[in-house]
Protein backbone atom coordinates (compact mmCIF):
# COMPACT_ATOMS: atom_id res chain seq x y z
CA MET A 1 24.49 31.91 0.80
CA SER A 2 27.70 29.89 0.82
CA PHE A 3 27.84 26.10 0.84
CA PRO A 4 30.57 23.61 1.66
CA LYS A 5 32.88 23.07 -1.27
CA PRO A 6 32.19 19.68 -2.88
CA ARG A 7 34.79 17.06 -2.14
CA LYS A 8 36.87 15.41 -4.81
CA HIS A 9 36.23 11.84 -5.89
CA TYR A 10 37.06 9.23 -3.32
CA SER A 11 37.76 5.52 -3.53
CA ALA A 12 34.81 4.44 -1.37
CA LEU A 13 32.24 5.53 -3.97
CA PRO A 14 31.81 2.19 -5.74
CA SER A 15 31.05 0.45 -2.43
CA VAL A 16 28.45 3.04 -1.44
CA ALA A 17 26.65 4.68 -4.35
CA ASP A 18 27.06 1.90 -6.91
CA HIS A 19 26.08 -0.70 -4.33
CA LEU A 20 22.89 1.19 -3.48
CA VAL A 21 21.92 1.42 -7.14
CA ARG A 22 22.57 -2.27 -7.66
CA CYS A 23 20.49 -3.11 -4.58
CA ALA A 24 17.68 -0.92 -5.86
CA ILE A 25 17.73 -2.65 -9.23
CA ASP A 26 17.65 -6.06 -7.54
CA ARG A 27 14.63 -4.97 -5.49
CA SER A 28 12.80 -3.50 -8.47
CA ASN A 29 13.21 -6.70 -10.46
CA LEU A 30 11.93 -9.05 -7.74
CA ASN A 31 11.88 -11.86 -10.32
CA PHE A 32 8.13 -11.64 -10.74
CA LYS A 33 6.73 -12.51 -14.17
CA PRO A 34 2.95 -12.37 -13.79
CA ARG A 35 0.84 -13.77 -16.54
CA ILE A 36 -1.71 -11.43 -18.05
CA CYS A 37 -5.18 -12.83 -17.53
CA VAL A 38 -7.62 -11.59 -20.16
CA SER A 39 -11.32 -11.96 -19.48
CA ASN A 40 -13.64 -12.87 -22.32
CA ASP A 41 -16.78 -10.79 -21.94
CA SER A 42 -18.45 -12.69 -24.77
CA SER A 43 -18.36 -15.94 -22.83
CA ASP A 44 -21.69 -17.44 -21.89
CA SER A 45 -20.36 -18.52 -18.51
CA ILE A 46 -21.21 -16.32 -15.54
CA ILE A 47 -19.15 -16.24 -12.37
CA PRO A 48 -21.55 -16.70 -9.43
CA LEU A 49 -21.80 -13.78 -7.08
CA SER A 50 -19.61 -14.66 -4.11
CA ARG A 51 -20.98 -14.93 -0.61
CA PHE A 52 -18.90 -11.86 0.24
CA ARG A 53 -20.58 -9.68 -2.36
CA ALA A 54 -23.95 -11.15 -1.46
CA ALA A 55 -23.34 -10.31 2.19
CA LEU A 56 -22.31 -6.79 1.25
CA ALA A 57 -25.53 -6.43 -0.77
CA ARG A 58 -27.64 -7.27 2.29
CA PRO A 59 -29.37 -4.46 4.17
CA ARG A 60 -26.96 -2.47 6.30
CA GLY A 61 -27.29 -0.54 9.53
CA TYR A 62 -30.85 0.30 10.52
CA LYS A 63 -32.35 -1.74 7.69
CA ARG A 64 -30.39 -4.78 8.83
CA VAL A 65 -31.67 -4.31 12.39
CA GLU A 66 -35.26 -4.07 11.11
CA GLU A 67 -34.76 -7.18 9.00
CA LEU A 68 -33.66 -9.12 12.07
CA ILE A 69 -36.33 -7.78 14.39
CA TYR A 70 -39.19 -8.46 11.95
CA ALA A 71 -37.95 -11.90 10.90
CA ASP A 72 -40.27 -14.89 11.35
CA ASP A 73 -38.19 -15.95 14.35
CA PRO A 74 -36.30 -12.83 15.57
CA ALA A 75 -34.56 -14.62 18.45
CA ALA A 76 -33.20 -17.30 16.11
CA ALA A 77 -32.15 -14.72 13.52
CA VAL A 78 -30.19 -12.67 16.05
CA GLY A 79 -28.93 -15.73 17.92
CA GLY A 80 -27.49 -17.11 14.68
CA MET A 81 -25.17 -14.13 14.27
CA SER A 82 -21.53 -14.38 15.24
CA VAL A 83 -20.32 -12.21 18.09
CA THR A 84 -18.24 -10.09 15.73
CA GLU A 85 -21.12 -9.57 13.31
CA LEU A 86 -23.53 -8.58 16.09
CA TYR A 87 -20.99 -6.32 17.76
CA PHE A 88 -20.21 -4.30 14.66
CA LEU A 89 -23.88 -3.99 13.79
CA ILE A 90 -24.63 -2.55 17.24
CA LYS A 91 -21.67 -0.18 16.96
CA GLU A 92 -22.83 0.88 13.50
CA VAL A 93 -26.35 1.90 14.53
CA GLY A 94 -25.56 2.94 18.11
CA PHE A 95 -27.02 1.81 21.42
CA GLY A 96 -30.05 4.07 21.10
CA ASP A 97 -31.35 2.03 18.16
CA SER A 98 -30.09 -1.36 19.34
CA TYR A 99 -32.19 -2.03 22.42
CA GLU A 100 -34.47 -4.51 20.67
CA LEU A 101 -31.48 -6.16 19.05
CA ILE A 102 -29.75 -6.51 22.41
CA SER A 103 -32.94 -7.87 23.98
CA LEU A 104 -32.91 -10.71 21.41
CA ALA A 105 -29.21 -11.54 21.81
CA THR A 106 -28.12 -14.51 23.87
CA PRO A 107 -26.14 -14.00 27.09
CA GLU A 108 -23.11 -15.57 25.37
CA GLN A 109 -23.35 -13.03 22.54
CA ILE A 110 -23.55 -10.12 24.99
CA ARG A 111 -20.57 -11.49 26.88
CA GLY A 112 -18.65 -11.66 23.61
CA CYS A 113 -19.58 -8.07 22.77
CA LEU A 114 -18.32 -6.94 26.16
CA ASP A 115 -15.09 -8.86 25.53
CA LEU A 116 -14.65 -6.84 22.34
CA ASP A 117 -15.65 -3.45 23.65
CA ILE A 118 -14.80 -2.77 27.27
CA TRP A 119 -11.12 -3.65 27.44
CA ASP A 120 -8.16 -1.39 26.71
CA ARG A 121 -5.36 -3.95 26.62
CA ASP A 122 -5.62 -5.53 30.09
CA LYS A 123 -7.74 -2.83 31.75
CA VAL A 124 -11.53 -2.58 31.95
CA GLN A 125 -12.93 0.78 30.85
CA LEU A 126 -16.02 1.58 32.90
CA GLU A 127 -17.12 4.28 30.46
CA ALA A 128 -17.43 1.51 27.85
CA VAL A 129 -19.28 -0.82 30.26
CA ALA A 130 -22.04 1.66 31.15
CA PRO A 131 -23.89 1.75 27.78
CA TRP A 132 -24.14 -2.04 27.65
CA LEU A 133 -25.43 -2.33 31.20
CA THR A 134 -27.89 0.50 30.61
CA ALA A 135 -29.27 -1.23 27.52
CA LEU A 136 -29.59 -4.52 29.39
CA ALA A 137 -31.28 -2.89 32.38
CA ASP A 138 -33.75 -1.07 30.15
CA ASN A 139 -34.77 -4.41 28.63
CA GLY A 140 -35.93 -5.71 32.01
CA PHE A 141 -34.40 -7.33 35.05
CA GLU A 142 -34.97 -10.85 33.69
CA GLN A 143 -32.60 -10.43 30.73
CA PHE A 144 -30.17 -8.42 32.80
CA ALA A 145 -29.90 -11.19 35.39
CA SER A 146 -29.56 -13.93 32.77
CA VAL A 147 -26.67 -12.05 31.14
CA TRP A 148 -25.08 -11.16 34.48
CA GLU A 149 -25.07 -14.82 35.44
CA GLN A 150 -23.16 -15.73 32.27
CA LEU A 151 -20.51 -13.06 32.75
CA ASP A 152 -17.31 -14.03 34.53
CA PRO A 153 -17.93 -13.57 38.27
CA GLU A 154 -14.59 -11.79 38.55
CA LEU A 155 -15.76 -9.24 35.99
CA THR A 156 -19.14 -8.60 37.63
CA ALA A 157 -17.45 -8.17 41.01
CA LEU A 158 -14.87 -5.83 39.47
CA ILE A 159 -17.56 -3.64 37.87
CA ILE A 160 -19.45 -3.25 41.14
CA LYS A 161 -16.25 -2.75 43.15
CA ARG A 162 -15.03 0.06 40.87
CA TRP A 163 -18.30 1.97 41.39
CA THR A 164 -19.01 1.30 45.07
CA VAL A 165 -17.78 0.82 48.61
CA ILE A 166 -19.57 -2.11 50.27
CA TYR A 167 -20.07 -2.63 54.00
CA ASP A 168 -21.15 -6.02 55.35
CA LEU A 169 -23.75 -5.16 57.97
CA SER A 170 -24.08 -8.83 59.00
CA LEU A 171 -20.52 -8.63 60.29
CA GLY A 172 -21.20 -5.47 62.21
CA GLU A 173 -19.33 -3.13 59.86
CA GLU A 174 -20.22 0.52 60.35
CA PRO A 175 -20.65 2.50 57.09
CA ASP A 176 -18.56 5.64 56.79
CA ASP A 177 -21.09 8.43 56.25
CA SER A 178 -18.62 11.30 56.73
CA ASP A 179 -18.94 12.31 53.07
CA ASP A 180 -21.94 13.27 50.97
CA LEU A 181 -21.85 10.23 48.70
CA PRO A 182 -25.22 8.45 48.29
CA MET A 183 -25.65 5.19 50.15
CA PHE A 184 -28.42 2.61 50.45
CA THR A 185 -29.11 -0.71 52.19
CA THR A 186 -29.73 -3.80 50.06
CA PRO A 187 -33.21 -5.43 50.22
CA ASP A 188 -31.87 -8.31 52.33
CA THR A 189 -30.32 -5.77 54.76
CA PHE A 190 -26.99 -7.62 54.53
CA PHE A 191 -25.06 -4.76 52.94
CA ALA A 192 -24.78 -1.00 52.88
CA VAL A 193 -23.63 0.19 49.48
CA LYS A 194 -21.97 3.57 49.00
CA LEU A 195 -22.09 4.75 45.39
CA THR A 196 -18.75 6.30 44.38
CA ALA A 197 -19.36 6.80 40.66
CA GLU A 198 -18.60 10.35 39.55
CA LYS A 199 -21.39 10.70 37.01
CA GLU A 200 -24.99 10.96 38.16
CA ASP A 201 -26.09 8.59 35.39
CA ASP A 202 -23.61 5.98 36.61
CA VAL A 203 -24.82 6.37 40.19
CA ARG A 204 -28.37 5.75 39.05
CA LEU A 205 -27.25 2.84 36.88
CA VAL A 206 -25.43 1.01 39.70
CA TYR A 207 -28.36 1.47 42.07
CA ASN A 208 -30.78 0.05 39.50
CA LEU A 209 -28.46 -2.84 38.68
CA ILE A 210 -28.20 -3.99 42.28
CA GLU A 211 -31.97 -3.61 42.74
CA ASP A 212 -32.63 -5.67 39.59
CA LEU A 213 -30.17 -8.33 40.69
CA TYR A 214 -31.97 -8.76 44.00
CA ARG A 215 -35.32 -8.83 42.25
CA ALA A 216 -34.17 -11.59 39.88
CA ASP A 217 -31.82 -13.69 42.01
CA GLY A 218 -30.94 -12.77 45.58
CA VAL A 219 -28.24 -15.43 45.84
CA LEU A 220 -26.48 -14.15 42.72
CA ALA A 221 -26.74 -10.58 44.01
CA ARG A 222 -25.23 -11.47 47.39
CA HIS A 223 -22.42 -13.44 45.74
CA THR A 224 -21.51 -10.49 43.51
CA LEU A 225 -21.50 -8.02 46.40
CA MET A 226 -19.49 -10.33 48.65
CA SER A 227 -16.84 -10.76 45.95
CA ALA A 228 -16.77 -7.03 45.22
CA ARG A 229 -16.31 -6.31 48.92
CA SER A 230 -13.61 -8.88 49.72
CA GLU A 231 -11.55 -9.49 46.57
CA VAL A 232 -8.55 -7.37 45.51
CA THR A 233 -9.20 -5.18 42.46
CA ALA A 234 -5.98 -6.17 40.68
CA GLU A 235 -6.69 -9.87 41.13
CA LEU A 236 -10.25 -9.54 39.86
CA GLU A 237 -9.06 -7.68 36.79
CA GLU A 238 -6.26 -10.15 36.10
CA MET A 239 -8.58 -13.16 36.29
CA SER A 240 -11.22 -11.44 34.16
CA TYR A 241 -8.59 -10.68 31.55
CA ARG A 242 -7.45 -14.31 31.48
CA TRP A 243 -10.96 -15.61 30.83
CA ARG A 244 -11.52 -12.94 28.22
CA THR A 245 -8.20 -13.72 26.49
CA GLY A 246 -9.22 -17.34 26.00
CA ARG A 247 -12.50 -16.41 24.36
CA MET A 248 -10.89 -13.75 22.21
CA ALA A 249 -8.40 -16.30 20.92
CA ASP A 250 -11.32 -18.26 19.45
CA LEU A 251 -12.22 -15.13 17.47
CA GLY A 252 -8.64 -14.64 16.29
CA TYR A 253 -7.68 -11.99 18.84
CA VAL A 254 -4.68 -13.80 20.26
CA ASP A 255 -2.01 -12.46 22.59
CA PHE A 256 -0.06 -9.51 21.18
CA TYR A 257 3.20 -11.43 20.94
CA GLN A 258 1.50 -14.43 19.36
CA ALA A 259 -0.34 -12.16 16.90
CA LEU A 260 2.99 -10.73 15.71
CA GLU A 261 3.38 -14.00 13.78
CA VAL A 262 1.42 -12.41 10.92
CA PHE A 263 4.24 -9.87 10.53
CA ARG A 264 7.13 -12.31 10.76
CA PRO A 265 9.11 -12.24 7.49
CA ILE A 266 9.13 -15.45 5.48
CA ASP A 267 11.52 -16.67 2.81
CA PRO A 268 9.45 -16.74 -0.42
CA ARG A 269 11.22 -19.96 -1.36
CA ASN A 270 9.68 -21.68 1.67
CA ILE A 271 6.05 -21.12 0.64
CA LYS A 272 4.54 -23.14 -2.18
CA ILE A 273 1.13 -23.72 -3.71
CA GLY A 274 -0.15 -27.12 -2.62
CA GLU A 275 1.75 -27.18 0.68
CA GLN A 276 -1.47 -28.04 2.56
CA THR A 277 -1.04 -25.54 5.40
CA GLN A 278 -4.55 -24.11 5.01
CA GLN A 279 -6.69 -23.61 8.11
CA PRO A 280 -9.05 -26.57 8.54
CA HIS A 281 -12.78 -26.19 8.19
CA ARG A 282 -14.33 -25.99 11.63
CA VAL A 283 -17.77 -27.48 12.14
CA ILE A 284 -19.66 -25.33 14.66
CA ASP A 285 -22.48 -26.65 16.80
CA GLU A 286 -25.05 -24.43 18.45
CA GLU A 287 -23.22 -24.34 21.78
CA ASP A 288 -20.01 -23.13 20.13
CA GLN A 289 -21.74 -20.54 17.92
CA ALA A 290 -20.89 -17.58 20.16
CA ARG A 291 -17.23 -18.61 20.33
CA ALA A 292 -16.83 -19.19 16.59
CA PRO A 293 -15.23 -16.60 14.31
CA GLY A 294 -18.42 -16.59 12.25
CA LYS A 295 -19.18 -14.40 9.27
CA LEU A 296 -17.26 -11.34 8.23
CA PRO A 297 -18.92 -8.07 9.26
CA ALA A 298 -19.73 -5.66 6.44
CA THR A 299 -16.90 -3.42 7.67
CA PHE A 300 -14.43 -6.18 6.81
CA ILE A 301 -16.13 -7.32 3.60
CA GLU A 302 -15.88 -3.86 2.07
CA HIS A 303 -12.09 -4.15 2.11
CA VAL A 304 -12.10 -7.74 0.83
CA VAL A 305 -14.28 -6.84 -2.16
CA GLY A 306 -12.22 -3.69 -2.71
CA ARG A 307 -9.06 -5.73 -3.46
CA ALA A 308 -9.44 -6.36 -7.19
CA PHE A 309 -7.21 -9.44 -7.50
CA LEU A 310 -8.26 -10.97 -4.18
CA ALA A 311 -11.95 -10.36 -4.93
CA ARG A 312 -11.70 -11.98 -8.38
CA VAL A 313 -10.07 -15.07 -6.92
CA LEU A 314 -12.61 -15.33 -4.11
CA ASP A 315 -15.38 -15.13 -6.72
CA ARG A 316 -14.02 -18.37 -8.14
CA ILE A 317 -14.69 -20.24 -4.88
CA THR A 318 -18.19 -21.64 -5.43
CA ASP A 319 -18.05 -24.54 -2.97
CA ALA A 320 -20.09 -23.47 0.08
CA GLU A 321 -17.95 -25.31 2.63
CA GLU A 322 -14.70 -23.91 1.21
CA ALA A 323 -16.14 -20.41 1.07
CA GLU A 324 -17.24 -20.72 4.71
CA ARG A 325 -13.76 -21.92 5.70
CA LEU A 326 -12.11 -18.99 3.93
CA GLU A 327 -14.51 -16.51 5.51
CA ALA A 328 -13.66 -17.75 9.00
CA ALA A 329 -9.94 -17.75 8.14
CA LEU A 330 -10.19 -14.19 6.83
CA LEU A 331 -11.84 -13.02 10.01
CA ILE A 332 -9.17 -14.67 12.15
CA LEU A 333 -6.42 -13.12 10.01
CA VAL A 334 -7.91 -9.63 10.29
CA ASN A 335 -8.35 -10.03 14.04
CA ASN A 336 -4.75 -11.20 14.37
CA VAL A 337 -3.54 -8.12 12.50
CA LEU A 338 -5.62 -5.91 14.79
CA ALA A 339 -4.23 -7.69 17.85
CA ALA A 340 -0.67 -7.28 16.55
CA ALA A 341 -1.32 -3.56 16.15
CA ARG A 342 -2.78 -3.39 19.68
CA VAL A 343 -6.02 -2.07 18.20
CA SER A 344 -9.07 -2.20 20.42
CA PRO A 345 -12.08 -3.69 18.57
CA GLY A 346 -14.08 -0.76 19.91
CA ASP A 347 -11.91 1.75 18.04
CA GLU A 348 -13.90 1.80 14.79
CA ASP A 349 -11.49 4.01 12.83
CA ALA A 350 -8.49 1.92 13.84
CA VAL A 351 -10.37 -1.27 12.99
CA LYS A 352 -11.03 0.03 9.48
CA VAL A 353 -7.35 0.89 8.99
CA GLY A 354 -6.28 -2.50 10.36
CA THR A 355 -8.75 -4.34 8.14
CA GLU A 356 -7.55 -2.41 5.11
CA HIS A 357 -3.94 -3.30 5.93
CA ALA A 358 -4.71 -7.00 6.50
CA THR A 359 -6.70 -7.51 3.29
CA ALA A 360 -4.27 -5.48 1.16
CA THR A 361 -1.24 -7.38 2.42
CA LEU A 362 -3.04 -10.70 1.90
CA ALA A 363 -3.90 -9.65 -1.66
CA LEU A 364 -0.25 -8.79 -2.31
CA GLY A 365 0.94 -12.12 -0.94
CA LEU A 366 -1.61 -13.98 -3.02
CA GLU A 367 -0.62 -12.18 -6.22
CA THR A 368 3.06 -12.77 -5.44
CA ILE A 369 2.79 -16.54 -4.93
CA SER A 370 0.57 -16.95 -7.98
CA ALA A 371 2.52 -14.54 -10.23
CA GLY A 372 -0.78 -12.92 -11.15
CA SER A 373 -2.50 -16.13 -12.31
CA GLU A 374 -6.04 -16.45 -10.96
CA ASP A 375 -5.95 -20.25 -11.42
CA GLN A 376 -2.80 -20.48 -9.30
CA ALA A 377 -4.19 -17.99 -6.79
CA GLU A 378 -7.32 -20.08 -6.30
CA GLN A 379 -5.18 -23.11 -5.51
CA ALA A 380 -3.09 -20.98 -3.16
CA LEU A 381 -6.18 -19.97 -1.19
CA ARG A 382 -7.21 -23.61 -0.95
CA THR A 383 -3.83 -24.97 0.15
CA ILE A 384 -1.90 -22.22 1.95
CA SER A 385 -2.59 -20.67 5.34
CA LEU A 386 -3.81 -17.09 5.01
CA THR A 387 -1.33 -16.17 7.71
CA ARG A 388 1.53 -17.39 5.53
CA LEU A 389 0.17 -15.51 2.52
CA HIS A 390 -0.05 -12.36 4.64
CA ARG A 391 3.53 -12.89 5.82
CA LEU A 392 4.64 -13.20 2.20
CA GLY A 393 2.95 -9.93 1.24
CA TYR A 394 4.54 -8.21 4.22
CA THR A 395 7.98 -9.63 3.36
CA VAL A 396 7.80 -8.27 -0.18
CA SER A 397 7.01 -4.76 1.07
CA LEU A 398 9.62 -5.07 3.82
CA ARG A 399 12.35 -5.47 1.21
CA LEU A 400 11.53 -2.03 -0.11
CA SER A 401 11.50 -0.66 3.42
CA ARG A 402 15.02 -1.94 4.00
CA LEU A 403 16.25 -0.34 0.80
CA ALA A 404 14.56 2.94 1.75
CA ARG A 405 16.30 2.79 5.13
CA ALA A 406 19.66 2.45 3.38
CA LEU A 407 18.95 5.39 1.06
CA ALA A 408 17.28 7.72 3.56
CA PRO A 409 20.42 9.21 5.23
CA ARG A 410 21.61 10.51 1.85
CA ALA A 411 18.14 11.58 0.71
CA ARG A 412 17.30 14.08 3.45
CA THR A 413 17.56 17.00 1.05
CA THR A 414 15.28 15.46 -1.56
CA SER A 415 11.87 16.78 -2.59
CA GLU A 416 8.38 15.43 -3.23
CA PRO A 417 7.23 12.84 -4.04
CA THR A 418 10.37 11.14 -2.71
CA ILE A 419 9.86 12.61 0.77
CA SER A 420 6.42 10.98 0.99
CA VAL A 421 7.68 7.70 -0.47
CA LEU A 422 10.44 7.41 2.13
CA ALA A 423 8.14 8.46 4.98
CA ALA A 424 5.61 5.78 4.00
CA LEU A 425 8.25 3.07 3.69
CA LEU A 426 9.98 4.00 6.96
CA ALA A 427 6.80 3.86 9.05
CA SER A 428 6.51 1.13 11.69
CA ARG A 429 5.22 -1.04 8.84
CA PRO A 430 5.84 -0.12 5.19
CA PHE A 431 3.08 1.68 3.29
CA PHE A 432 2.65 2.73 -0.32
CA ALA A 433 2.80 6.49 -0.97
CA GLN A 434 -0.28 7.51 -2.94
CA GLU A 435 1.78 10.30 -4.47
CA LEU A 436 2.97 7.57 -6.88
CA ASP A 437 -0.59 6.64 -7.84
CA THR A 438 -2.12 7.68 -11.15
CA PRO A 439 -3.72 10.10 -10.64
CA ALA A 440 -1.55 11.14 -7.71
CA MET A 441 -3.15 11.47 -4.29
CA SER A 442 -1.74 12.30 -0.89
CA GLY A 443 -1.07 10.12 2.11
CA PRO A 444 -0.03 6.48 2.55
CA ARG A 445 -2.06 3.33 1.97
CA PRO A 446 -1.13 -0.35 2.30
CA PHE A 447 0.66 -2.15 -0.50
CA GLU A 448 -1.89 -4.35 -2.24
CA SER A 449 -0.47 -5.38 -5.63
CA LEU A 450 2.71 -6.15 -7.50
CA ALA A 451 2.11 -2.97 -9.46
CA ASP A 452 2.50 -1.02 -6.18
CA ILE A 453 5.75 -2.87 -5.49
CA ARG A 454 7.13 -2.20 -8.96
CA VAL A 455 6.34 1.50 -9.09
CA THR A 456 7.87 2.00 -5.64
CA ALA A 457 10.94 -0.08 -6.47
CA GLU A 458 11.44 1.89 -9.67
CA HIS A 459 11.21 5.15 -7.75
CA LEU A 460 13.81 3.94 -5.23
CA THR A 461 16.07 2.78 -8.05
CA VAL A 462 15.97 6.23 -9.61
CA LEU A 463 16.58 7.77 -6.16
CA ALA A 464 19.63 5.56 -5.72
CA LEU A 465 20.97 6.76 -9.07
CA ARG A 466 20.30 10.41 -8.16
CA ILE A 467 22.29 9.88 -4.97
CA ALA A 468 25.05 8.14 -6.92
CA VAL A 469 25.38 11.09 -9.31
CA ALA A 470 25.66 13.54 -6.40
CA ASP A 471 28.21 11.26 -4.75
CA SER A 472 30.22 11.11 -7.97
CA LEU A 473 30.41 14.91 -7.83
CA GLY A 474 32.04 14.64 -4.42
CA VAL A 475 29.03 16.04 -2.53
CA ASP A 476 28.69 14.93 1.09
CA LEU A 477 24.90 14.62 1.23
CA ILE A 478 24.84 13.74 4.91
CA GLU A 479 26.74 16.90 5.86
CA MET A 480 24.68 18.92 3.39
CA ALA A 481 21.52 17.87 5.22
CA LYS A 482 22.84 19.49 8.40
CA LEU A 483 22.86 22.96 6.82
CA PRO A 484 20.01 25.31 7.72
CA GLU A 485 17.33 26.14 5.17
CA PRO A 486 17.46 27.30 2.46
CA ARG A 487 19.98 24.74 1.28
CA PRO A 488 20.54 22.87 -2.00
CA SER A 489 18.20 19.99 -2.67
CA LEU A 490 19.49 16.59 -3.76
CA ASP A 491 19.20 17.27 -7.50
CA ASP A 492 20.50 20.87 -7.35
CA HIS A 493 24.08 19.54 -7.40
CA SER A 494 23.50 17.45 -10.52
CA ARG A 495 21.62 20.21 -12.34
CA THR A 496 24.37 22.70 -11.47
CA ALA A 497 27.03 20.44 -13.00
CA LEU A 498 24.85 19.86 -16.07
CA VAL A 499 24.35 23.60 -16.62
CA ARG A 500 28.12 24.16 -16.58
CA ALA A 501 28.67 21.20 -18.92
CA LEU A 502 26.12 22.53 -21.45
CA VAL A 503 28.79 24.95 -22.72
CA GLY A 504 31.78 22.64 -22.23
CA GLY A 505 32.65 23.60 -18.64
CA GLU A 506 33.91 21.21 -15.98
CA PHE A 507 31.29 18.78 -14.70
CA GLU A 508 31.27 19.88 -11.07
CA ALA A 509 28.74 21.16 -8.57
CA THR A 510 30.49 24.34 -7.43
CA PRO A 511 28.14 27.38 -7.43
CA LEU A 512 27.47 28.99 -10.80
CA SER A 513 28.17 32.67 -11.33
CA VAL A 514 25.74 35.03 -13.04
CA ASP A 515 28.18 35.34 -15.92
CA GLU A 516 28.08 31.58 -16.40
CA LEU A 517 24.27 31.69 -16.48
CA VAL A 518 24.36 34.35 -19.15
CA GLU A 519 26.83 32.32 -21.21
CA VAL A 520 24.72 29.17 -20.94
CA ARG A 521 21.55 31.04 -21.86
CA ARG A 522 23.19 32.50 -24.97
CA LYS A 523 25.17 29.51 -26.22
CA ALA A 524 23.28 26.38 -25.11
CA PHE A 525 19.68 27.44 -25.80
CA GLU A 526 17.65 27.69 -28.97
CA GLY A 527 14.79 29.89 -27.92
CA SER A 528 13.58 28.57 -24.57
CA SER A 529 14.86 25.01 -25.17
CA ILE A 530 18.28 23.45 -24.77
CA SER A 531 19.89 22.62 -28.11
CA ALA A 532 20.50 19.00 -29.07
CA SER A 533 24.29 19.50 -29.23
CA ALA A 534 24.37 21.04 -25.74
CA ARG A 535 22.28 18.16 -24.36
CA SER A 536 24.64 15.62 -25.88
CA GLN A 537 27.69 17.44 -24.53
CA ALA A 538 26.28 17.56 -20.97
CA ALA A 539 25.15 13.91 -21.09
CA THR A 540 28.61 12.82 -22.16
CA ALA A 541 30.17 14.81 -19.31
CA LEU A 542 27.88 13.06 -16.81
CA GLU A 543 28.78 9.61 -18.15
CA VAL A 544 32.50 10.41 -17.94
CA CYS A 545 32.01 11.49 -14.30
CA LEU A 546 30.20 8.24 -13.46
CA ASP A 547 32.92 6.23 -15.21
CA LYS A 548 35.60 7.88 -13.08
CA ALA A 549 33.59 7.09 -9.95
CA GLU A 550 33.19 3.47 -11.16
CA ILE A 551 29.40 3.68 -10.99
CA THR A 552 28.06 1.24 -13.56
CA SER A 553 24.72 0.06 -12.21
CA GLY A 554 21.51 1.75 -13.27
CA ARG A 555 23.02 3.54 -16.25
CA GLU A 556 20.03 2.56 -18.37
CA LEU A 557 17.96 4.98 -16.27
CA LEU A 558 20.19 7.95 -17.06
CA ALA A 559 18.27 8.98 -20.16
CA THR A 560 14.99 9.34 -18.23
CA LEU A 561 16.74 11.07 -15.34
CA LEU A 562 18.56 13.48 -17.65
CA SER A 563 15.36 14.31 -19.51
CA GLY A 564 13.73 15.39 -16.25
CA TRP A 565 16.74 17.48 -15.24
CA PHE A 566 16.89 19.19 -18.64
CA ILE A 567 13.19 20.07 -18.35
CA ASP A 568 13.86 21.62 -14.92
CA ILE A 569 16.78 23.65 -16.34
CA GLU A 570 14.70 24.87 -19.29
CA GLN A 571 11.92 26.00 -16.94
CA GLN A 572 14.40 28.01 -14.87
CA LEU A 573 16.73 29.42 -17.54
CA GLY A 574 14.64 29.33 -20.70
CA GLY A 575 12.81 32.54 -19.89
CA LEU A 576 15.80 34.58 -18.69
CA ASP A 577 16.52 37.84 -20.50
CA THR A 578 20.28 38.11 -21.01
CA ASP A 579 20.03 41.78 -21.94
CA THR A 580 19.23 42.66 -18.34
CA ASP A 581 20.92 41.79 -15.07
CA ILE A 582 20.00 38.32 -13.80
CA ASP A 583 19.04 38.26 -10.13
CA PRO A 584 20.21 34.89 -8.72
CA ARG A 585 17.55 35.08 -6.01
CA PHE A 586 14.91 34.28 -8.59
CA VAL A 587 16.66 31.29 -10.16
CA GLU A 588 15.93 27.93 -8.55
CA GLY A 589 17.04 24.36 -9.11
CA VAL A 590 20.77 25.12 -9.38
CA ILE A 591 23.38 26.35 -6.92
CA LEU A 592 24.35 29.97 -7.56
CA SER A 593 27.01 32.31 -6.31
CA HIS A 594 25.79 35.75 -5.24
CA ASP A 595 28.96 37.36 -6.61
CA LYS A 596 28.03 39.11 -9.92
CA SER A 597 31.62 39.85 -10.90
């Protein structure tokens, strides 16, 4: 295969390659000097178990449902739960095992659960409505009617309208019976109701609902049917969404554009410990209980406790009122992040990802502002809005994303783990590539610590230097990326020049001949390893090349970079037998000519 001939040095190099390396170094420094906090295990003092860990230690799932149902006052136990807590518990165990739980819930709690579950952005999803109505109906017409009365009348009319066609017999309307759809007359004989639901279970459900409504409250039933018959679907849905939006805001699920505030970058110099921007403690009376953020569900707490630094700092909060304030603020923050990501609360997998992202970014912001000091972090939690701390964590990771965006066009021919690092950083919101973890894993996760920032920044700094070396060789990496596979990878150019320089050849990335490989194998190797003199000669040639290209930044990383390249060369050339013909097809990591002459 032939490749474009590398270009000669050009004057723009210092403003491109050297600038990128300098930017990478600036990002990797970040001016963070965290203090090392050493715990004294021999101390007699014991940190009290936080309310978060205590909540996580409570019975979960079915056991939690049993605990509530068999409490001394089950109605009070269930009624004391926040909407979010009740909702996620029902979703965890499923409707089939939640009927008793739902029967004990207040109408306001059920309305809140419907707010969380049945909407996809601004549209009601009937398939999500059906299980809730079925559970309510199975618990008796009394509870069903009490809940129905508390729902927004626009929503109840919309639900019935989407499943029926209603004829007002009192006005002399003649039902259209030209199709085979089931139809019945209401007990008061005012209406004929044609059931248009596609599923047989939904047809049966709507029939039973209307029957139960008439049994419990004829006036309420007639009002619902009249609204469903006369109001416009779009208007009903719009008004329902407005009422729902107001209630969701109390839980932290604000409008999408307002929720984006949690991802608005912030100048780190404008956020300080003691600034007194913390969310105020909200005293909740019984009437407001259903509209309060309430306690964190176990799904959220798992991620809070899983953040080592954040969890340690929260463990230091022993004041009950402050802990309650932080719990409500955490819930609002998580819900804001979910709203900003347009995540439906009913999408359990997406909720877990969103919660993980929110708590990780908060932990990063907290560690950043406190420079790793738990004392300072505790004061930060007490005096800084969690939204601002989240914004700080996001801003820190965004800096790396911007650097990755600058490097990416010249890094298209790179290899793993750099490919995964760039992909994670260039996502809609920057993520940490677990390929950089120890031990290495696959896939992205949120940034959650300064250690994540540093290891990523160091990797980008080295990438910038790798690009700078290739640029100094006159390689047009952008044009190289346009070639079809197989094509040279980013480091192939540098390794090729190093191989030639091992025996005193010109430091350039033109393809090596087989004869050159044989010469290098015989003169530059001692056994299967490169000799010290050959290493020194090649390293000097690289430094001379960088000097000519006026690339000065990041030179302290050259030793580590060279060591890795020399290892690659030894793995490829160290085992070659120079007494036999060398087949260039089986030599990787360098650019070879197929001409054996």
